[in-house]
Amino acid sequence: MGVSTRTAALLSFAAFVALDTAPAHAAALFSPDEFWIAVVFRKGGPMMWPILLCSLFSLAIAIERALHLREKNVIHPEFLKEVRLHWIGGDIEKALKTCRNHDIAMSRIVRAGLLRANMGVLEIERAIEGAGGHESMILTANLRWLGAIANIATLLGLLGTVTGMIRSFNVIATAGPGNLSLVATGIAEALVATAAGLAVGIPTFAAYHFLRGKADRLVLKMEDISIGFVEDMVAGKKENA
């Protein structure tokens, strides 16, 4: 049996001992005086702190984007109904006033087109496309951070796994193979850090894709409304010609 094989067997045995003795020490581990999450957090090692920061940042971003991406905050039905009556009726000033009274993404896009109502159709389309692209970037502004945090949290968990295994090997090298409790501590650090990284990374990744899909649907809906707006403007110009 080679050195690496003996080491692997020793680590496996240490993990078994840690699991086997866990029930006997459960009362001490999860005592009423100390919350069990704090115990697990401490056993995860130093990588638990950046993983905790990742979880807080991801939660804050997810809540902020979820509130911002509600349809009434992007495309308000009452605004569309009111402004459409004004622009079809040819009252550009009232339509612009309605846009100013509703500070949402769709109102800013429509306002960009209305400001060029007296220009050619190409100018109106160009203004709407420019405003639409800008609003699309705003809708997805913080979502890329969710994707980044999901990857970072998982990698931090992997780094915690590596540092925990390094600690276990250092114990074997310095204290000898008989000190199984210290070896098990390093293995516990590795496993807890991995679990924590995945526990943060998986829901963050899911939230990223959910919110990104919602933002994409809102962008497509704004594009459809913008196309209808341009068509109405063109029809109004033909009627007035």
C-alpha atoms as a PDB file:
ATOM      1  CA  MET A   1       0.000   0.000   0.000  1.00  0.00           C
ATOM      2  CA  GLY A   2       1.548   3.357  -1.076  1.00  0.00           C
ATOM      3  CA  VAL A   3       1.803   6.488   1.037  1.00  0.00           C
ATOM      4  CA  SER A   4      -1.050   8.244  -0.773  1.00  0.00           C
ATOM      5  CA  THR A   5      -3.301   5.188  -0.370  1.00  0.00           C
ATOM      6  CA  ARG A   6      -2.536   4.951   3.345  1.00  0.00           C
ATOM      7  CA  THR A   7      -3.245   8.667   3.754  1.00  0.00           C
ATOM      8  CA  ALA A   8      -6.574   8.397   1.958  1.00  0.00           C
ATOM      9  CA  ALA A   9      -7.541   5.423   4.094  1.00  0.00           C
ATOM     10  CA  LEU A  10      -6.555   7.312   7.237  1.00  0.00           C
ATOM     11  CA  LEU A  11      -8.646  10.334   6.253  1.00  0.00           C
ATOM     12  CA  SER A  12     -11.614   8.106   5.503  1.00  0.00           C
ATOM     13  CA  PHE A  13     -11.246   6.430   8.885  1.00  0.00           C
ATOM     14  CA  ALA A  14     -11.014   9.831  10.579  1.00  0.00           C
ATOM     15  CA  ALA A  15     -14.212  10.947   8.904  1.00  0.00           C
ATOM     16  CA  PHE A  16     -15.899   7.726  10.033  1.00  0.00           C
ATOM     17  CA  VAL A  17     -14.725   8.298  13.596  1.00  0.00           C
ATOM     18  CA  ALA A  18     -16.033  11.873  13.500  1.00  0.00           C
ATOM     19  CA  LEU A  19     -19.439  10.709  12.300  1.00  0.00           C
ATOM     20  CA  ASP A  20     -19.509   7.785  14.726  1.00  0.00           C
ATOM     21  CA  THR A  21     -18.763   9.953  17.746  1.00  0.00           C
ATOM     22  CA  ALA A  22     -21.116  12.758  16.711  1.00  0.00           C
ATOM     23  CA  PRO A  23     -24.176  11.409  18.578  1.00  0.00           C
ATOM     24  CA  ALA A  24     -22.176  11.113  21.782  1.00  0.00           C
ATOM     25  CA  HIS A  25     -21.136  14.761  21.579  1.00  0.00           C
ATOM     26  CA  ALA A  26     -24.400  16.127  20.177  1.00  0.00           C
ATOM     27  CA  ALA A  27     -25.424  17.696  23.472  1.00  0.00           C
ATOM     28  CA  ALA A  28     -22.124  19.525  23.737  1.00  0.00           C
ATOM     29  CA  LEU A  29     -22.091  20.503  20.078  1.00  0.00           C
ATOM     30  CA  PHE A  30     -25.608  21.912  19.967  1.00  0.00           C
ATOM     31  CA  SER A  31     -25.955  23.140  23.510  1.00  0.00           C
ATOM     32  CA  PRO A  32     -28.803  25.528  24.344  1.00  0.00           C
ATOM     33  CA  ASP A  33     -26.238  28.183  25.211  1.00  0.00           C
ATOM     34  CA  GLU A  34     -24.985  28.433  21.619  1.00  0.00           C
ATOM     35  CA  PHE A  35     -27.050  28.549  18.453  1.00  0.00           C
ATOM     36  CA  TRP A  36     -26.269  25.569  16.205  1.00  0.00           C
ATOM     37  CA  ILE A  37     -25.758  27.752  13.121  1.00  0.00           C
ATOM     38  CA  ALA A  38     -22.967  29.596  14.948  1.00  0.00           C
ATOM     39  CA  VAL A  39     -21.341  26.259  15.765  1.00  0.00           C
ATOM     40  CA  VAL A  40     -21.487  25.096  12.160  1.00  0.00           C
ATOM     41  CA  PHE A  41     -20.276  28.514  10.959  1.00  0.00           C
ATOM     42  CA  ARG A  42     -17.236  28.334  13.232  1.00  0.00           C
ATOM     43  CA  LYS A  43     -16.427  24.809  12.091  1.00  0.00           C
ATOM     44  CA  GLY A  44     -16.451  25.952   8.454  1.00  0.00           C
ATOM     45  CA  GLY A  45     -13.263  27.930   8.903  1.00  0.00           C
ATOM     46  CA  PRO A  46     -12.258  31.369   7.580  1.00  0.00           C
ATOM     47  CA  MET A  47     -13.932  30.898   4.179  1.00  0.00           C
ATOM     48  CA  MET A  48     -17.326  31.131   5.871  1.00  0.00           C
ATOM     49  CA  TRP A  49     -16.994  34.905   6.228  1.00  0.00           C
ATOM     50  CA  PRO A  50     -16.712  35.740   2.516  1.00  0.00           C
ATOM     51  CA  ILE A  51     -19.430  33.154   1.799  1.00  0.00           C
ATOM     52  CA  LEU A  52     -21.652  34.949   4.324  1.00  0.00           C
ATOM     53  CA  LEU A  53     -20.966  38.273   2.585  1.00  0.00           C
ATOM     54  CA  CYS A  54     -21.883  36.675  -0.748  1.00  0.00           C
ATOM     55  CA  SER A  55     -25.192  35.493   0.702  1.00  0.00           C
ATOM     56  CA  LEU A  56     -26.035  38.967   2.022  1.00  0.00           C
ATOM     57  CA  PHE A  57     -25.136  40.691  -1.252  1.00  0.00           C
ATOM     58  CA  SER A  58     -27.087  38.186  -3.329  1.00  0.00           C
ATOM     59  CA  LEU A  59     -30.157  38.504  -1.098  1.00  0.00           C
ATOM     60  CA  ALA A  60     -30.072  42.307  -1.290  1.00  0.00           C
ATOM     61  CA  ILE A  61     -29.662  42.319  -5.084  1.00  0.00           C
ATOM     62  CA  ALA A  62     -32.378  39.705  -5.609  1.00  0.00           C
ATOM     63  CA  ILE A  63     -34.891  41.638  -3.489  1.00  0.00           C
ATOM     64  CA  GLU A  64     -34.036  44.951  -5.171  1.00  0.00           C
ATOM     65  CA  ARG A  65     -34.372  43.511  -8.680  1.00  0.00           C
ATOM     66  CA  ALA A  66     -37.565  41.615  -7.828  1.00  0.00           C
ATOM     67  CA  LEU A  67     -39.195  44.842  -6.659  1.00  0.00           C
ATOM     68  CA  HIS A  68     -37.879  46.854  -9.598  1.00  0.00           C
ATOM     69  CA  LEU A  69     -38.951  44.293 -12.202  1.00  0.00           C
ATOM     70  CA  ARG A  70     -42.602  44.279 -11.219  1.00  0.00           C
ATOM     71  CA  GLU A  71     -44.592  45.050 -14.360  1.00  0.00           C
ATOM     72  CA  LYS A  72     -46.356  48.063 -12.876  1.00  0.00           C
ATOM     73  CA  ASN A  73     -42.934  49.632 -12.235  1.00  0.00           C
ATOM     74  CA  VAL A  74     -41.920  49.155 -15.881  1.00  0.00           C
ATOM     75  CA  ILE A  75     -45.074  49.113 -18.026  1.00  0.00           C
ATOM     76  CA  HIS A  76     -48.046  50.618 -16.231  1.00  0.00           C
ATOM     77  CA  PRO A  77     -51.367  49.753 -17.963  1.00  0.00           C
ATOM     78  CA  GLU A  78     -53.039  53.019 -16.927  1.00  0.00           C
ATOM     79  CA  PHE A  79     -50.159  55.032 -18.343  1.00  0.00           C
ATOM     80  CA  LEU A  80     -50.361  53.239 -21.688  1.00  0.00           C
ATOM     81  CA  LYS A  81     -54.104  53.779 -21.901  1.00  0.00           C
ATOM     82  CA  GLU A  82     -53.856  57.477 -21.050  1.00  0.00           C
ATOM     83  CA  VAL A  83     -50.891  58.362 -23.241  1.00  0.00           C
ATOM     84  CA  ARG A  84     -52.289  56.442 -26.219  1.00  0.00           C
ATOM     85  CA  LEU A  85     -55.481  58.504 -26.135  1.00  0.00           C
ATOM     86  CA  HIS A  86     -53.396  61.684 -26.267  1.00  0.00           C
ATOM     87  CA  TRP A  87     -51.000  60.705 -29.056  1.00  0.00           C
ATOM     88  CA  ILE A  88     -53.747  59.228 -31.240  1.00  0.00           C
ATOM     89  CA  GLY A  89     -55.716  62.442 -30.713  1.00  0.00           C
ATOM     90  CA  GLY A  90     -52.690  64.446 -31.779  1.00  0.00           C
ATOM     91  CA  ASP A  91     -52.252  66.213 -28.423  1.00  0.00           C
ATOM     92  CA  ILE A  92     -48.499  65.786 -28.041  1.00  0.00           C
ATOM     93  CA  GLU A  93     -48.221  68.200 -25.106  1.00  0.00           C
ATOM     94  CA  LYS A  94     -50.684  66.237 -22.970  1.00  0.00           C
ATOM     95  CA  ALA A  95     -48.953  63.006 -23.961  1.00  0.00           C
ATOM     96  CA  LEU A  96     -45.590  64.442 -22.846  1.00  0.00           C
ATOM     97  CA  LYS A  97     -47.134  65.626 -19.574  1.00  0.00           C
ATOM     98  CA  THR A  98     -48.476  62.119 -18.972  1.00  0.00           C
ATOM     99  CA  CYS A  99     -44.980  60.721 -19.560  1.00  0.00           C
ATOM    100  CA  ARG A 100     -43.510  63.143 -17.027  1.00  0.00           C
ATOM    101  CA  ASN A 101     -46.129  62.171 -14.450  1.00  0.00           C
ATOM    102  CA  HIS A 102     -45.216  58.472 -14.733  1.00  0.00           C
ATOM    103  CA  ASP A 103     -41.523  57.907 -14.037  1.00  0.00           C
ATOM    104  CA  ILE A 104     -41.256  54.371 -15.437  1.00  0.00           C
ATOM    105  CA  ALA A 105     -39.194  52.772 -18.186  1.00  0.00           C
ATOM    106  CA  MET A 106     -42.012  52.721 -20.748  1.00  0.00           C
ATOM    107  CA  SER A 107     -42.841  56.398 -20.215  1.00  0.00           C
ATOM    108  CA  ARG A 108     -39.239  57.417 -20.882  1.00  0.00           C
ATOM    109  CA  ILE A 109     -39.203  55.415 -24.118  1.00  0.00           C
ATOM    110  CA  VAL A 110     -42.493  56.921 -25.314  1.00  0.00           C
ATOM    111  CA  ARG A 111     -41.325  60.398 -24.312  1.00  0.00           C
ATOM    112  CA  ALA A 112     -38.195  60.017 -26.446  1.00  0.00           C
ATOM    113  CA  GLY A 113     -40.401  59.304 -29.463  1.00  0.00           C
ATOM    114  CA  LEU A 114     -42.857  62.098 -28.701  1.00  0.00           C
ATOM    115  CA  LEU A 115     -40.070  64.667 -28.498  1.00  0.00           C
ATOM    116  CA  ARG A 116     -39.330  63.895 -32.162  1.00  0.00           C
ATOM    117  CA  ALA A 117     -42.953  63.692 -33.256  1.00  0.00           C
ATOM    118  CA  ASN A 118     -42.482  66.566 -35.698  1.00  0.00           C
ATOM    119  CA  MET A 119     -39.493  64.903 -37.324  1.00  0.00           C
ATOM    120  CA  GLY A 120     -39.407  61.995 -39.737  1.00  0.00           C
ATOM    121  CA  VAL A 121     -40.393  58.445 -38.897  1.00  0.00           C
ATOM    122  CA  LEU A 122     -36.761  57.338 -38.968  1.00  0.00           C
ATOM    123  CA  GLU A 123     -35.890  59.899 -36.297  1.00  0.00           C
ATOM    124  CA  ILE A 124     -38.757  58.671 -34.126  1.00  0.00           C
ATOM    125  CA  GLU A 125     -37.636  55.045 -34.524  1.00  0.00           C
ATOM    126  CA  ARG A 126     -34.021  55.948 -33.789  1.00  0.00           C
ATOM    127  CA  ALA A 127     -35.000  57.820 -30.625  1.00  0.00           C
ATOM    128  CA  ILE A 128     -37.187  54.962 -29.397  1.00  0.00           C
ATOM    129  CA  GLU A 129     -34.487  52.370 -30.111  1.00  0.00           C
ATOM    130  CA  GLY A 130     -31.900  54.417 -28.242  1.00  0.00           C
ATOM    131  CA  ALA A 131     -34.152  54.952 -25.222  1.00  0.00           C
ATOM    132  CA  GLY A 132     -35.236  51.299 -25.284  1.00  0.00           C
ATOM    133  CA  GLY A 133     -31.643  50.081 -25.276  1.00  0.00           C
ATOM    134  CA  HIS A 134     -30.830  52.351 -22.349  1.00  0.00           C
ATOM    135  CA  GLU A 135     -33.838  51.171 -20.341  1.00  0.00           C
ATOM    136  CA  SER A 136     -32.995  47.529 -21.090  1.00  0.00           C
ATOM    137  CA  MET A 137     -29.537  48.055 -19.614  1.00  0.00           C
ATOM    138  CA  ILE A 138     -31.088  49.601 -16.504  1.00  0.00           C
ATOM    139  CA  LEU A 139     -33.454  46.644 -16.065  1.00  0.00           C
ATOM    140  CA  THR A 140     -30.572  44.154 -16.138  1.00  0.00           C
ATOM    141  CA  ALA A 141     -28.067  46.437 -14.385  1.00  0.00           C
ATOM    142  CA  ASN A 142     -27.434  44.395 -11.235  1.00  0.00           C
ATOM    143  CA  LEU A 143     -28.345  40.945 -12.538  1.00  0.00           C
ATOM    144  CA  ARG A 144     -24.832  40.167 -13.736  1.00  0.00           C
ATOM    145  CA  TRP A 145     -23.689  40.497 -10.127  1.00  0.00           C
ATOM    146  CA  LEU A 146     -26.017  37.659  -9.137  1.00  0.00           C
ATOM    147  CA  GLY A 147     -24.394  35.382 -11.700  1.00  0.00           C
ATOM    148  CA  ALA A 148     -20.947  36.416 -10.503  1.00  0.00           C
ATOM    149  CA  ILE A 149     -21.805  35.876  -6.829  1.00  0.00           C
ATOM    150  CA  ALA A 150     -23.190  32.401  -7.578  1.00  0.00           C
ATOM    151  CA  ASN A 151     -19.848  31.395  -9.099  1.00  0.00           C
ATOM    152  CA  ILE A 152     -17.761  33.149  -6.443  1.00  0.00           C
ATOM    153  CA  ALA A 153     -19.637  31.534  -3.534  1.00  0.00           C
ATOM    154  CA  THR A 154     -19.199  28.067  -5.036  1.00  0.00           C
ATOM    155  CA  LEU A 155     -15.487  28.664  -5.622  1.00  0.00           C
ATOM    156  CA  LEU A 156     -15.055  29.980  -2.076  1.00  0.00           C
ATOM    157  CA  GLY A 157     -16.617  26.757  -0.820  1.00  0.00           C
ATOM    158  CA  LEU A 158     -14.143  24.803  -2.930  1.00  0.00           C
ATOM    159  CA  LEU A 159     -11.304  26.890  -1.526  1.00  0.00           C
ATOM    160  CA  GLY A 160     -12.548  26.076   1.973  1.00  0.00           C
ATOM    161  CA  THR A 161     -12.455  22.398   1.019  1.00  0.00           C
ATOM    162  CA  VAL A 162      -8.832  22.721  -0.050  1.00  0.00           C
ATOM    163  CA  THR A 163      -7.771  24.616   3.082  1.00  0.00           C
ATOM    164  CA  GLY A 164      -9.553  22.082   5.297  1.00  0.00           C
ATOM    165  CA  MET A 165      -7.800  19.162   3.611  1.00  0.00           C
ATOM    166  CA  ILE A 166      -4.461  20.989   3.850  1.00  0.00           C
ATOM    167  CA  ARG A 167      -5.044  21.373   7.581  1.00  0.00           C
ATOM    168  CA  SER A 168      -5.779  17.654   7.897  1.00  0.00           C
ATOM    169  CA  PHE A 169      -2.593  16.708   6.039  1.00  0.00           C
ATOM    170  CA  ASN A 170      -0.562  19.138   8.154  1.00  0.00           C
ATOM    171  CA  VAL A 171      -1.901  17.486  11.303  1.00  0.00           C
ATOM    172  CA  ILE A 172      -0.881  14.085   9.974  1.00  0.00           C
ATOM    173  CA  ALA A 173       2.571  15.427   9.081  1.00  0.00           C
ATOM    174  CA  THR A 174       3.225  17.128  12.430  1.00  0.00           C
ATOM    175  CA  ALA A 175       1.236  15.234  15.069  1.00  0.00           C
ATOM    176  CA  GLY A 176       1.240  11.816  13.458  1.00  0.00           C
ATOM    177  CA  PRO A 177      -1.640   9.642  12.317  1.00  0.00           C
ATOM    178  CA  GLY A 178      -2.913   8.978  15.826  1.00  0.00           C
ATOM    179  CA  ASN A 179      -4.481  12.426  16.391  1.00  0.00           C
ATOM    180  CA  LEU A 180      -7.767  11.656  14.669  1.00  0.00           C
ATOM    181  CA  SER A 181      -9.758  14.428  16.368  1.00  0.00           C
ATOM    182  CA  LEU A 182      -7.623  17.154  14.768  1.00  0.00           C
ATOM    183  CA  VAL A 183      -7.759  15.373  11.416  1.00  0.00           C
ATOM    184  CA  ALA A 184     -11.540  15.203  11.684  1.00  0.00           C
ATOM    185  CA  THR A 185     -11.629  18.950  12.431  1.00  0.00           C
ATOM    186  CA  GLY A 186      -9.934  19.683   9.117  1.00  0.00           C
ATOM    187  CA  ILE A 187     -12.295  17.347   7.273  1.00  0.00           C
ATOM    188  CA  ALA A 188     -15.291  19.009   8.957  1.00  0.00           C
ATOM    189  CA  GLU A 189     -14.015  22.412   7.808  1.00  0.00           C
ATOM    190  CA  ALA A 190     -13.731  21.119   4.253  1.00  0.00           C
ATOM    191  CA  LEU A 191     -17.239  19.642   4.186  1.00  0.00           C
ATOM    192  CA  VAL A 192     -18.968  22.579   5.894  1.00  0.00           C
ATOM    193  CA  ALA A 193     -17.303  25.132   3.604  1.00  0.00           C
ATOM    194  CA  THR A 194     -18.321  23.132   0.534  1.00  0.00           C
ATOM    195  CA  ALA A 195     -21.911  22.844   1.738  1.00  0.00           C
ATOM    196  CA  ALA A 196     -22.072  26.555   2.581  1.00  0.00           C
ATOM    197  CA  GLY A 197     -20.718  27.579  -0.819  1.00  0.00           C
ATOM    198  CA  LEU A 198     -23.268  25.409  -2.600  1.00  0.00           C
ATOM    199  CA  ALA A 199     -26.076  26.559  -0.290  1.00  0.00           C
ATOM    200  CA  VAL A 200     -25.398  30.153  -1.356  1.00  0.00           C
ATOM    201  CA  GLY A 201     -24.430  29.513  -4.973  1.00  0.00           C
ATOM    202  CA  ILE A 202     -27.374  27.327  -6.045  1.00  0.00           C
ATOM    203  CA  PRO A 203     -30.265  29.641  -5.010  1.00  0.00           C
ATOM    204  CA  THR A 204     -28.331  32.683  -6.230  1.00  0.00           C
ATOM    205  CA  PHE A 205     -27.863  31.060  -9.630  1.00  0.00           C
ATOM    206  CA  ALA A 206     -31.568  30.170  -9.735  1.00  0.00           C
ATOM    207  CA  ALA A 207     -32.542  33.737  -8.782  1.00  0.00           C
ATOM    208  CA  TYR A 208     -30.279  35.105 -11.527  1.00  0.00           C
ATOM    209  CA  HIS A 209     -31.955  33.052 -14.247  1.00  0.00           C
ATOM    210  CA  PHE A 210     -35.460  33.729 -12.930  1.00  0.00           C
ATOM    211  CA  LEU A 211     -34.951  37.496 -12.785  1.00  0.00           C
ATOM    212  CA  ARG A 212     -33.077  37.556 -16.090  1.00  0.00           C
ATOM    213  CA  GLY A 213     -35.987  35.774 -17.761  1.00  0.00           C
ATOM    214  CA  LYS A 214     -38.422  38.250 -16.232  1.00  0.00           C
ATOM    215  CA  ALA A 215     -36.337  41.197 -17.457  1.00  0.00           C
ATOM    216  CA  ASP A 216     -36.131  39.728 -20.966  1.00  0.00           C
ATOM    217  CA  ARG A 217     -39.915  39.302 -21.088  1.00  0.00           C
ATOM    218  CA  LEU A 218     -40.426  42.916 -20.041  1.00  0.00           C
ATOM    219  CA  VAL A 219     -37.956  44.112 -22.678  1.00  0.00           C
ATOM    220  CA  LEU A 220     -39.801  42.162 -25.391  1.00  0.00           C
ATOM    221  CA  LYS A 221     -43.102  43.609 -24.228  1.00  0.00           C
ATOM    222  CA  MET A 222     -41.680  47.133 -24.318  1.00  0.00           C
ATOM    223  CA  GLU A 223     -40.417  46.507 -27.851  1.00  0.00           C
ATOM    224  CA  ASP A 224     -43.892  45.394 -28.984  1.00  0.00           C
ATOM    225  CA  ILE A 225     -45.482  48.482 -27.431  1.00  0.00           C
ATOM    226  CA  SER A 226     -42.846  50.713 -29.025  1.00  0.00           C
ATOM    227  CA  ILE A 227     -43.547  49.221 -32.463  1.00  0.00           C
ATOM    228  CA  GLY A 228     -47.254  49.900 -31.966  1.00  0.00           C
ATOM    229  CA  PHE A 229     -46.433  53.446 -30.880  1.00  0.00           C
ATOM    230  CA  VAL A 230     -44.446  54.112 -34.063  1.00  0.00           C
ATOM    231  CA  GLU A 231     -47.208  52.630 -36.218  1.00  0.00           C
ATOM    232  CA  ASP A 232     -49.780  54.879 -34.541  1.00  0.00           C
ATOM    233  CA  MET A 233     -47.534  57.903 -35.051  1.00  0.00           C
ATOM    234  CA  VAL A 234     -47.114  57.060 -38.742  1.00  0.00           C
ATOM    235  CA  ALA A 235     -50.871  56.547 -39.142  1.00  0.00           C
ATOM    236  CA  GLY A 236     -51.523  59.889 -37.449  1.00  0.00           C
ATOM    237  CA  LYS A 237     -49.112  61.665 -39.778  1.00  0.00           C
ATOM    238  CA  LYS A 238     -50.828  60.152 -42.823  1.00  0.00           C
ATOM    239  CA  GLU A 239     -54.255  61.260 -41.576  1.00  0.00           C
ATOM    240  CA  ASN A 240     -53.029  64.799 -40.980  1.00  0.00           C
ATOM    241  CA  ALA A 241     -51.292  64.965 -44.381  1.00  0.00           C
END
